[in-house]
Amino acid sequence: MQASSPSRPIRVLTGITTSGTPHLGNYVGAIRPAVAASRGQGVESFYFLADYHALIKVQDPARVQRSTLEIAASWLACGLDPDKVWFYRQSDVPEVQELTWLLTCVAGKGILNRAHAYKAAVDKNREAGEDDDAGITAGLFMYPVLMAADILIFNADKVPVGRDQIQHIEMARDFGQRFNHLYGEHFALPEAAIEENVATLPGLDGRKMSKSYDNTIPLFAPREQLRKLIFSIVTDSTPPGEPKATEGSALFQLYQAFASDAETAAMREAFEAGIGWGDAKQQLFERIDQEIAPLRERYEALVADPARIEQVLRDGAARLRTTYAVPLLARLREAVGLRDLSARVEGSGEAVAKAAMPVFKQYRESDGRFYFKLAHGDRVLLQSEGHASPRDAGQLVAALKQSSGDGVQHGPDAGVQLGDRPVGRLGDGVTLKELLDALGLFAGED
């Protein structure tokens, strides 16, 4: 399952770590675009509260609990409809942890060594003259595997993330592809979805808005606190009447994240005309509060009723496990050999191979190109041509599955084609009929 099939909606998954109070960066970079996307046609949306991720850096139980409540209330206040999307708490889906271990067994340690968060921690230790791994937990090191499990367990097609998280999506693709290569096609390969203008929002000091920098603006800060924080945004010393640069201005970027195109153009002109920083901050405050005020009222009512939120999360996880997580893990256990011994297939290895489904396996060769093959046991039925990217190869695999053999024929030089599209060549001693029969077994697959 290398690409979403036309028979199902595009699956979009996003979440926020439950380690602090939601801020405007979370709203603009994740919550708002994800909620808007969930209302589109042909989209199946998954939202999760990443409380297991929070344990990597937070050892305050009350903080994790409070953050989980605040984030859940934030998403619901911002228009999330739990009857139309999948909304759940990560720790309520134990299959995520089981999948994390299965992926750990195929994840390359060398890839994890290059994870940005781990490298940054090592660099910090080196600068301080400490051992490379001083104070670094296995949880931090394995964070990308847990994130991959969050994504792959529901075969998400798109994951809205900031640019600093793109590497984790690439890792999820790599782990999923390695598992597919070893055990057959079980995972779609996800893609990062980035909103270019506002994917990373600046904080009070101009750096990325982040709890770790202590430069955030709480999403539902009371009106007067919101105004005070906005007026504390760092600006330069350019006096009123002097043109001001929009490039690199945290204030302008914040305004752009909430304003329409026309409002942004007007503010750009005001910067060029020399608007005073106080006036610009007042306009920013009014624009943000205009959008946030009605959401703030709904949020306060939700936080006052935590039992209601708890029930919403538990119901979402229970439905999700029954629909997706439990069946998938049953298939993965079978695939890796964690099987019921009393139900084993009797007979020789060759007979067992023939009883199994044919599988597509993707891999990368030393020439840097991406290939796939269709195998039935030890027998290769189809060997592909090389492709420039795993996505190209995956799309052709999906097209072959969907065809169920229709339109597959011999091409020039006895090659195999799907319509007029070159595919590859038959395996040694394999007939076209055998290939068509094998492809026919994929009829009706998701």
Protein backbone atom coordinates (compact mmCIF):
# COMPACT_ATOMS: atom_id res chain seq x y z
CA MET A 1 0.00 0.00 0.00
CA GLN A 2 2.37 2.67 -1.24
CA ALA A 3 -0.08 5.41 -2.14
CA SER A 4 -3.64 6.28 -1.27
CA SER A 5 -6.12 4.47 -3.45
CA PRO A 6 -8.87 6.32 -5.30
CA SER A 7 -11.25 4.08 -3.32
CA ARG A 8 -10.51 5.88 -0.03
CA PRO A 9 -10.12 9.51 1.08
CA ILE A 10 -6.75 11.19 1.61
CA ARG A 11 -5.75 10.64 5.24
CA VAL A 12 -4.31 13.67 7.06
CA LEU A 13 -2.82 13.30 10.54
CA THR A 14 -1.56 15.88 12.99
CA GLY A 15 -0.99 16.28 16.71
CA ILE A 16 0.53 18.44 19.41
CA THR A 17 2.77 17.29 22.26
CA THR A 18 1.02 17.71 25.62
CA SER A 19 3.87 19.52 27.35
CA GLY A 20 2.54 23.04 27.72
CA THR A 21 -0.21 25.56 27.08
CA PRO A 22 -1.26 25.90 23.40
CA HIS A 23 0.06 29.09 21.82
CA LEU A 24 -0.53 31.08 18.67
CA GLY A 25 2.20 29.13 16.88
CA ASN A 26 0.34 25.86 17.50
CA TYR A 27 -2.88 27.46 16.29
CA VAL A 28 -1.49 28.94 13.09
CA GLY A 29 0.93 26.15 12.23
CA ALA A 30 -1.18 23.11 13.11
CA ILE A 31 -4.66 23.53 14.57
CA ARG A 32 -6.20 26.07 12.19
CA PRO A 33 -5.00 24.54 8.90
CA ALA A 34 -5.77 20.99 10.06
CA VAL A 35 -9.32 21.84 11.15
CA ALA A 36 -9.91 23.67 7.86
CA ALA A 37 -8.57 20.70 5.88
CA SER A 38 -10.86 18.31 7.76
CA ARG A 39 -13.88 20.07 6.28
CA GLY A 40 -12.80 19.41 2.71
CA GLN A 41 -14.17 16.71 0.48
CA GLY A 42 -12.26 13.46 0.14
CA VAL A 43 -10.31 13.94 3.39
CA GLU A 44 -10.19 11.66 6.45
CA SER A 45 -8.62 13.54 9.36
CA PHE A 46 -6.77 12.15 12.39
CA TYR A 47 -5.93 14.36 15.40
CA PHE A 48 -4.03 13.07 18.40
CA LEU A 49 -2.76 14.38 21.71
CA ALA A 50 0.85 13.21 21.85
CA ASP A 51 1.11 12.52 25.57
CA TYR A 52 3.73 9.76 25.23
CA HIS A 53 5.95 12.23 23.39
CA ALA A 54 5.52 14.68 26.28
CA LEU A 55 7.17 12.24 28.70
CA ILE A 56 10.46 12.65 26.83
CA LYS A 57 10.92 16.16 28.22
CA VAL A 58 8.34 16.60 31.00
CA GLN A 59 8.48 14.75 34.31
CA ASP A 60 5.69 16.77 35.94
CA PRO A 61 2.52 14.60 35.88
CA ALA A 62 0.20 17.51 36.70
CA ARG A 63 1.61 19.51 33.80
CA VAL A 64 1.07 16.66 31.33
CA GLN A 65 -2.52 16.22 32.54
CA ARG A 66 -3.28 19.95 32.41
CA SER A 67 -1.70 20.34 28.99
CA THR A 68 -3.74 17.43 27.63
CA LEU A 69 -6.93 19.09 28.84
CA GLU A 70 -5.96 22.49 27.43
CA ILE A 71 -4.96 21.15 24.03
CA ALA A 72 -8.08 19.00 23.68
CA ALA A 73 -10.26 21.98 24.63
CA SER A 74 -8.35 24.17 22.17
CA TRP A 75 -9.00 21.91 19.20
CA LEU A 76 -12.67 21.53 20.08
CA ALA A 77 -13.04 25.27 20.59
CA CYS A 78 -11.41 25.91 17.21
CA GLY A 79 -14.13 23.95 15.43
CA LEU A 80 -13.02 20.33 15.51
CA ASP A 81 -16.04 18.04 15.18
CA PRO A 82 -15.29 14.66 16.87
CA ASP A 83 -18.24 13.11 15.05
CA LYS A 84 -16.63 13.82 11.67
CA VAL A 85 -12.93 13.23 12.41
CA TRP A 86 -10.78 10.84 14.42
CA PHE A 87 -9.87 12.64 17.69
CA TYR A 88 -7.97 10.65 20.30
CA ARG A 89 -5.22 10.56 22.91
CA GLN A 90 -2.05 8.74 21.90
CA SER A 91 -1.85 6.74 25.14
CA ASP A 92 -5.38 5.39 24.57
CA VAL A 93 -4.18 3.45 21.49
CA PRO A 94 -1.71 0.83 22.84
CA GLU A 95 -1.16 -0.54 19.33
CA VAL A 96 0.97 2.55 18.66
CA GLN A 97 3.51 1.27 21.17
CA GLU A 98 3.50 -2.23 19.70
CA LEU A 99 4.09 -0.80 16.24
CA THR A 100 6.90 1.35 17.64
CA TRP A 101 8.76 -1.82 18.61
CA LEU A 102 8.18 -3.47 15.23
CA LEU A 103 9.57 -0.37 13.53
CA THR A 104 12.47 -0.19 15.99
CA CYS A 105 13.53 -3.61 14.71
CA VAL A 106 13.90 -2.28 11.15
CA ALA A 107 14.99 1.32 11.85
CA GLY A 108 18.62 2.08 11.06
CA LYS A 109 20.58 3.43 14.03
CA GLY A 110 22.64 5.52 11.64
CA ILE A 111 19.51 7.37 10.57
CA LEU A 112 18.52 7.99 14.19
CA ASN A 113 22.02 9.32 14.88
CA ARG A 114 21.28 12.09 12.38
CA ALA A 115 17.98 13.21 13.94
CA HIS A 116 18.09 16.96 14.54
CA ALA A 117 17.01 16.87 18.20
CA TYR A 118 19.55 14.19 19.11
CA LYS A 119 22.37 15.89 17.21
CA ALA A 120 21.57 19.21 18.88
CA ALA A 121 21.76 17.56 22.32
CA VAL A 122 25.09 15.92 21.45
CA ASP A 123 26.50 19.21 20.13
CA LYS A 124 25.45 20.96 23.33
CA ASN A 125 27.25 18.33 25.40
CA ARG A 126 30.40 18.69 23.31
CA GLU A 127 30.39 22.46 23.73
CA ALA A 128 30.15 21.93 27.50
CA GLY A 129 32.97 19.38 27.46
CA GLU A 130 30.64 16.57 28.51
CA ASP A 131 30.30 13.03 27.19
CA ASP A 132 28.32 13.01 23.93
CA ASP A 133 25.31 11.26 25.48
CA ALA A 134 25.35 12.86 28.93
CA GLY A 135 21.79 13.43 30.08
CA ILE A 136 20.29 12.15 26.81
CA THR A 137 17.56 9.56 27.28
CA ALA A 138 16.73 6.69 24.96
CA GLY A 139 13.33 8.34 24.65
CA LEU A 140 14.84 11.38 22.94
CA PHE A 141 16.91 9.14 20.67
CA MET A 142 13.90 6.99 19.72
CA TYR A 143 11.47 9.89 19.31
CA PRO A 144 11.44 9.59 15.48
CA VAL A 145 10.39 5.91 15.68
CA LEU A 146 7.43 6.69 17.94
CA MET A 147 6.44 9.52 15.60
CA ALA A 148 6.69 7.13 12.64
CA ALA A 149 4.36 4.71 14.44
CA ASP A 150 1.86 7.52 15.06
CA ILE A 151 1.76 8.15 11.31
CA LEU A 152 2.08 4.68 9.82
CA ILE A 153 -0.47 2.95 12.06
CA PHE A 154 -3.25 4.76 10.19
CA ASN A 155 -1.46 4.92 6.82
CA ALA A 156 -1.59 8.71 6.81
CA ASP A 157 -0.93 10.26 3.41
CA LYS A 158 -0.19 13.81 4.59
CA VAL A 159 1.17 15.18 7.87
CA PRO A 160 1.01 18.95 8.47
CA VAL A 161 4.33 19.93 10.09
CA GLY A 162 6.73 22.82 10.42
CA ARG A 163 9.92 22.77 8.39
CA ASP A 164 11.88 21.57 11.42
CA GLN A 165 9.78 18.37 11.42
CA ILE A 166 10.26 17.42 7.76
CA GLN A 167 13.14 15.11 8.70
CA HIS A 168 10.81 13.06 10.91
CA ILE A 169 8.41 12.50 8.01
CA GLU A 170 11.32 11.38 5.85
CA MET A 171 12.31 8.95 8.60
CA ALA A 172 8.75 7.60 8.80
CA ARG A 173 8.91 6.98 5.05
CA ASP A 174 12.22 5.20 5.42
CA PHE A 175 11.06 2.94 8.27
CA GLY A 176 7.80 2.15 6.47
CA GLN A 177 9.63 1.34 3.26
CA ARG A 178 12.11 -0.94 5.04
CA PHE A 179 9.26 -2.81 6.72
CA ASN A 180 7.42 -3.11 3.40
CA HIS A 181 10.54 -4.47 1.74
CA LEU A 182 10.97 -7.16 4.39
CA TYR A 183 7.37 -8.15 5.05
CA GLY A 184 5.22 -7.00 2.13
CA GLU A 185 3.20 -3.89 1.45
CA HIS A 186 1.55 -2.75 4.69
CA PHE A 187 2.25 0.98 4.92
CA ALA A 188 1.54 4.04 2.82
CA LEU A 189 4.52 6.41 2.63
CA PRO A 190 3.51 9.79 4.10
CA GLU A 191 4.30 13.27 2.83
CA ALA A 192 4.87 16.48 4.80
CA ALA A 193 2.27 19.21 4.23
CA ILE A 194 3.62 22.70 4.88
CA GLU A 195 1.78 26.03 4.71
CA GLU A 196 4.65 28.12 3.37
CA ASN A 197 3.79 31.55 4.82
CA VAL A 198 2.93 30.56 8.38
CA ALA A 199 4.31 27.10 9.02
CA THR A 200 6.73 28.57 11.61
CA LEU A 201 5.46 31.57 13.57
CA PRO A 202 7.89 33.98 15.27
CA GLY A 203 7.65 34.55 18.99
CA LEU A 204 8.05 37.66 21.15
CA ASP A 205 11.81 37.81 20.55
CA GLY A 206 11.72 37.07 16.80
CA ARG A 207 12.85 33.47 17.14
CA LYS A 208 10.50 30.59 16.37
CA MET A 209 7.58 30.65 18.82
CA SER A 210 8.41 27.80 21.17
CA LYS A 211 7.89 26.82 24.79
CA SER A 212 11.61 26.03 24.98
CA TYR A 213 12.44 29.68 24.19
CA ASP A 214 9.81 31.03 26.62
CA ASN A 215 8.67 33.44 23.90
CA THR A 216 5.12 32.26 23.29
CA ILE A 217 1.76 34.01 23.23
CA PRO A 218 -0.84 31.70 24.83
CA LEU A 219 -3.63 30.95 22.38
CA PHE A 220 -6.43 31.84 24.78
CA ALA A 221 -4.74 34.47 26.93
CA PRO A 222 -7.29 36.93 28.38
CA ARG A 223 -7.78 40.00 26.20
CA GLU A 224 -5.66 42.37 28.30
CA GLN A 225 -2.85 39.84 28.69
CA LEU A 226 -2.88 39.29 24.92
CA ARG A 227 -2.54 43.04 24.36
CA LYS A 228 0.32 43.29 26.88
CA LEU A 229 2.22 40.42 25.26
CA ILE A 230 1.80 41.80 21.75
CA PHE A 231 3.09 45.19 22.87
CA SER A 232 6.19 43.42 24.27
CA ILE A 233 7.21 42.04 20.84
CA VAL A 234 10.78 43.03 20.10
CA THR A 235 11.17 45.63 17.31
CA ASP A 236 14.05 47.79 16.12
CA SER A 237 14.66 51.46 16.86
CA THR A 238 13.32 52.85 13.58
CA PRO A 239 11.31 55.96 14.57
CA PRO A 240 7.77 56.83 13.37
CA GLY A 241 7.76 58.29 9.87
CA GLU A 242 10.75 56.20 8.75
CA PRO A 243 10.13 53.24 6.37
CA LYS A 244 10.27 49.88 8.10
CA ALA A 245 11.34 46.55 6.61
CA THR A 246 8.75 43.78 6.53
CA GLU A 247 11.45 41.21 5.79
CA GLY A 248 12.48 39.58 9.06
CA SER A 249 9.92 41.53 11.10
CA ALA A 250 8.28 39.27 13.68
CA LEU A 251 5.43 41.75 14.03
CA PHE A 252 4.68 41.73 10.30
CA GLN A 253 4.89 37.94 10.08
CA LEU A 254 2.43 37.58 12.95
CA TYR A 255 0.04 40.01 11.29
CA GLN A 256 0.32 38.20 7.96
CA ALA A 257 -0.57 34.90 9.65
CA PHE A 258 -3.98 36.27 10.70
CA ALA A 259 -4.76 38.85 8.03
CA SER A 260 -6.33 38.52 4.60
CA ASP A 261 -4.27 39.26 1.49
CA ALA A 262 -5.81 42.75 1.28
CA GLU A 263 -5.09 43.47 4.95
CA THR A 264 -1.53 42.22 4.57
CA ALA A 265 -0.99 44.47 1.54
CA ALA A 266 -2.31 47.46 3.49
CA MET A 267 0.03 46.72 6.41
CA ARG A 268 2.95 46.38 4.00
CA GLU A 269 2.15 49.84 2.64
CA ALA A 270 1.89 51.18 6.20
CA PHE A 271 5.37 49.80 6.95
CA GLU A 272 6.74 51.54 3.88
CA ALA A 273 4.99 54.77 4.92
CA GLY A 274 6.64 54.67 8.35
CA ILE A 275 3.88 53.50 10.70
CA GLY A 276 4.88 53.77 14.36
CA TRP A 277 5.60 50.53 16.16
CA GLY A 278 2.89 51.25 18.73
CA ASP A 279 0.25 51.74 16.05
CA ALA A 280 1.39 48.57 14.25
CA LYS A 281 1.17 46.56 17.48
CA GLN A 282 -2.30 47.90 18.19
CA GLN A 283 -3.46 46.82 14.72
CA LEU A 284 -1.88 43.39 15.26
CA PHE A 285 -3.63 43.03 18.62
CA GLU A 286 -7.02 43.98 17.19
CA ARG A 287 -6.62 41.60 14.23
CA ILE A 288 -5.66 38.62 16.40
CA ASP A 289 -8.30 39.28 19.04
CA GLN A 290 -10.97 39.57 16.34
CA GLU A 291 -10.31 35.95 15.37
CA ILE A 292 -9.55 34.52 18.81
CA ALA A 293 -12.23 36.15 21.00
CA PRO A 294 -15.18 33.88 20.00
CA LEU A 295 -12.93 30.82 20.25
CA ARG A 296 -11.77 31.92 23.71
CA GLU A 297 -15.33 31.90 25.01
CA ARG A 298 -15.92 28.33 23.81
CA TYR A 299 -12.55 27.23 25.22
CA GLU A 300 -13.33 28.51 28.71
CA ALA A 301 -16.61 26.59 28.76
CA LEU A 302 -14.89 23.37 27.67
CA VAL A 303 -12.07 23.59 30.23
CA ALA A 304 -14.72 23.95 32.91
CA ASP A 305 -16.14 20.52 31.95
CA PRO A 306 -13.16 18.10 31.80
CA ALA A 307 -15.34 14.97 32.11
CA ARG A 308 -16.94 15.83 28.77
CA ILE A 309 -13.54 16.07 27.08
CA GLU A 310 -12.38 12.80 28.67
CA GLN A 311 -15.39 10.99 27.24
CA VAL A 312 -14.83 12.44 23.77
CA LEU A 313 -11.21 11.24 23.75
CA ARG A 314 -12.00 7.75 25.06
CA ASP A 315 -14.82 7.27 22.57
CA GLY A 316 -12.60 8.39 19.71
CA ALA A 317 -9.81 5.99 20.64
CA ALA A 318 -12.17 3.04 21.10
CA ARG A 319 -13.70 3.52 17.64
CA LEU A 320 -10.32 4.05 16.05
CA ARG A 321 -8.80 0.91 17.57
CA THR A 322 -11.68 -1.24 16.38
CA THR A 323 -11.65 0.22 12.88
CA TYR A 324 -7.93 0.46 12.15
CA ALA A 325 -5.35 -0.21 14.87
CA VAL A 326 -6.31 -3.68 16.10
CA PRO A 327 -6.83 -5.19 12.60
CA LEU A 328 -3.56 -3.71 11.34
CA LEU A 329 -1.51 -5.05 14.23
CA ALA A 330 -3.06 -8.49 13.73
CA ARG A 331 -1.84 -8.43 10.11
CA LEU A 332 1.60 -7.15 11.12
CA ARG A 333 2.02 -9.86 13.75
CA GLU A 334 1.21 -12.45 11.12
CA ALA A 335 3.62 -10.81 8.68
CA VAL A 336 6.61 -10.83 11.05
CA GLY A 337 5.94 -14.36 12.34
CA LEU A 338 4.23 -13.68 15.71
CA ARG A 339 1.63 -16.32 14.91
CA ASP A 340 -0.72 -18.79 16.55
CA LEU A 341 1.29 -22.02 16.46
CA SER A 342 -1.82 -24.18 16.37
CA ALA A 343 -2.93 -22.48 13.16
CA ARG A 344 0.33 -22.85 11.25
CA VAL A 345 0.19 -23.95 7.62
CA GLU A 346 1.31 -27.53 7.24
CA GLY A 347 3.61 -28.63 4.44
CA SER A 348 6.97 -27.79 2.90
CA GLY A 349 8.39 -24.31 2.67
CA GLU A 350 7.45 -24.23 -1.01
CA ALA A 351 3.83 -25.15 -0.24
CA VAL A 352 3.62 -22.44 2.43
CA ALA A 353 5.01 -19.86 -0.02
CA LYS A 354 2.43 -20.81 -2.65
CA ALA A 355 -0.37 -20.49 -0.10
CA ALA A 356 0.68 -16.96 0.78
CA MET A 357 -0.36 -13.81 -1.08
CA PRO A 358 2.10 -12.36 -3.58
CA VAL A 359 3.72 -9.19 -2.27
CA PHE A 360 5.25 -6.07 -3.75
CA LYS A 361 8.64 -5.19 -2.30
CA GLN A 362 10.31 -1.79 -2.81
CA TYR A 363 14.02 -1.13 -2.44
CA ARG A 364 16.86 1.13 -3.54
CA GLU A 365 19.83 -0.13 -5.54
CA SER A 366 23.42 1.09 -5.52
CA ASP A 367 22.69 3.16 -8.65
CA GLY A 368 20.55 5.43 -6.47
CA ARG A 369 17.31 4.53 -8.25
CA PHE A 370 14.21 2.97 -6.71
CA TYR A 371 12.82 -0.41 -7.80
CA PHE A 372 10.07 -2.82 -6.89
CA LYS A 373 9.36 -6.47 -7.55
CA LEU A 374 6.28 -8.65 -7.23
CA ALA A 375 7.21 -11.88 -5.50
CA HIS A 376 5.30 -15.01 -4.60
CA GLY A 377 7.35 -16.81 -2.02
CA ASP A 378 10.88 -17.08 -3.42
CA ARG A 379 9.71 -16.61 -6.99
CA VAL A 380 9.95 -13.16 -8.64
CA LEU A 381 6.97 -12.61 -10.95
CA LEU A 382 7.74 -9.04 -12.00
CA GLN A 383 10.88 -6.90 -11.82
CA SER A 384 10.43 -3.16 -12.30
CA GLU A 385 12.51 -0.59 -14.08
CA GLY A 386 14.37 1.98 -11.98
CA HIS A 387 12.60 5.14 -10.79
CA ALA A 388 13.94 8.52 -9.71
CA SER A 389 12.00 8.55 -6.40
CA PRO A 390 10.21 6.13 -4.07
CA ARG A 391 7.03 8.08 -4.73
CA ASP A 392 7.19 7.28 -8.47
CA ALA A 393 7.73 3.61 -7.76
CA GLY A 394 4.97 3.58 -5.12
CA GLN A 395 2.45 5.20 -7.46
CA LEU A 396 3.11 2.54 -10.09
CA VAL A 397 2.69 -0.21 -7.48
CA ALA A 398 -0.66 1.32 -6.49
CA ALA A 399 -1.72 1.52 -10.16
CA LEU A 400 -0.85 -2.14 -10.73
CA LYS A 401 -2.83 -3.21 -7.67
CA GLN A 402 -5.80 -1.15 -8.70
CA SER A 403 -5.70 -2.59 -12.23
CA SER A 404 -5.96 -6.18 -10.92
CA GLY A 405 -4.24 -7.11 -14.18
CA ASP A 406 -6.52 -5.16 -16.54
CA GLY A 407 -4.47 -3.28 -19.11
CA VAL A 408 -1.26 -5.16 -18.28
CA GLN A 409 0.32 -6.55 -21.44
CA HIS A 410 3.54 -7.41 -23.23
CA GLY A 411 5.33 -4.38 -24.62
CA PRO A 412 8.36 -3.95 -26.90
CA ASP A 413 11.13 -6.50 -26.38
CA ALA A 414 8.77 -8.66 -24.26
CA GLY A 415 8.68 -6.00 -21.52
CA VAL A 416 5.61 -5.48 -19.37
CA GLN A 417 3.40 -2.43 -19.75
CA LEU A 418 0.37 -1.02 -17.96
CA GLY A 419 -1.50 0.58 -20.84
CA ASP A 420 1.26 2.50 -22.61
CA ARG A 421 3.31 2.89 -19.42
CA PRO A 422 6.50 0.76 -19.19
CA VAL A 423 6.60 -1.30 -16.00
CA GLY A 424 9.50 -3.76 -16.20
CA ARG A 425 10.03 -7.38 -17.14
CA LEU A 426 8.70 -10.78 -16.19
CA GLY A 427 10.72 -12.97 -13.85
CA ASP A 428 12.60 -15.98 -15.18
CA GLY A 429 10.20 -18.60 -16.48
CA VAL A 430 7.11 -16.51 -15.60
CA THR A 431 4.30 -16.18 -18.13
CA LEU A 432 2.12 -13.10 -18.57
CA LYS A 433 -0.88 -15.17 -17.45
CA GLU A 434 0.80 -15.97 -14.14
CA LEU A 435 1.44 -12.29 -13.60
CA LEU A 436 -2.15 -11.38 -14.43
CA ASP A 437 -3.46 -14.07 -12.09
CA ALA A 438 -1.27 -12.71 -9.29
CA LEU A 439 -2.40 -9.13 -9.85
CA GLY A 440 -5.99 -10.31 -9.83
CA LEU A 441 -5.55 -11.34 -6.19
CA PHE A 442 -5.30 -7.64 -5.25
CA ALA A 443 -8.85 -6.91 -6.43
CA GLY A 444 -10.75 -4.90 -3.84
CA GLU A 445 -7.69 -4.01 -1.74
CA ASP A 446 -7.65 -0.57 -0.08
